[in-house]
């Protein structure tokens, strides 16, 4: 009998697909990306 949920670590293509979906839908990731692109360069250049 096969487990209902397979480990993503054993299926690299599913892992990558799941991670990309997470990044697309993650508001935390979107906030971090916005910070990195808009505010971090000014903070680093000071």
Protein backbone atom coordinates (compact mmCIF):
# COMPACT_ATOMS: atom_id res chain seq x y z
CA UNK A 1 0.00 0.00 0.00
CA UNK A 2 1.42 3.38 -1.03
CA UNK A 3 1.39 6.23 1.49
CA UNK A 4 -1.16 8.96 0.76
CA UNK A 5 1.55 11.64 0.75
CA UNK A 6 4.99 10.91 -0.62
CA UNK A 7 7.96 12.82 0.67
CA UNK A 8 8.85 15.74 -1.58
CA UNK A 9 12.50 15.10 -0.79
CA UNK A 10 12.33 11.81 -2.70
CA UNK A 11 10.85 13.46 -5.82
CA UNK A 12 13.02 16.37 -6.92
CA UNK A 13 10.74 17.63 -9.69
CA UNK A 14 7.72 17.72 -7.34
CA UNK A 15 9.85 19.49 -4.73
CA UNK A 16 10.93 22.20 -7.18
CA UNK A 17 7.37 22.62 -8.46
CA UNK A 18 6.01 22.88 -4.91
CA UNK A 19 8.70 25.37 -3.88
CA UNK A 20 8.02 27.59 -6.90
CA UNK A 21 4.30 27.51 -6.10
CA UNK A 22 5.10 28.46 -2.50
CA UNK A 23 7.23 31.40 -3.64
CA UNK A 24 4.52 32.59 -6.01
CA UNK A 25 1.83 32.53 -3.31
CA UNK A 26 3.82 33.44 -0.22
CA UNK A 27 3.12 36.97 0.98
CA UNK A 28 6.16 36.71 3.25
CA UNK A 29 8.35 35.97 0.23
CA UNK A 30 6.74 38.80 -1.74
CA UNK A 31 7.46 41.24 1.09
CA UNK A 32 11.07 40.09 1.35
CA UNK A 33 11.53 40.34 -2.43
CA UNK A 34 10.10 43.86 -2.44
CA UNK A 35 12.40 44.86 0.43
CA UNK A 36 15.46 43.39 -1.29
CA UNK A 37 14.69 45.14 -4.56
CA UNK A 38 13.57 48.54 -3.27
CA UNK A 39 15.12 49.29 0.12
CA UNK A 40 18.15 47.09 0.61
CA UNK A 41 20.32 48.71 -2.10
CA UNK A 42 20.00 52.11 -0.38
CA UNK A 43 20.74 50.62 3.03
CA UNK A 44 23.85 48.81 1.75
CA UNK A 45 25.21 51.83 -0.12
CA UNK A 46 25.26 54.05 2.98
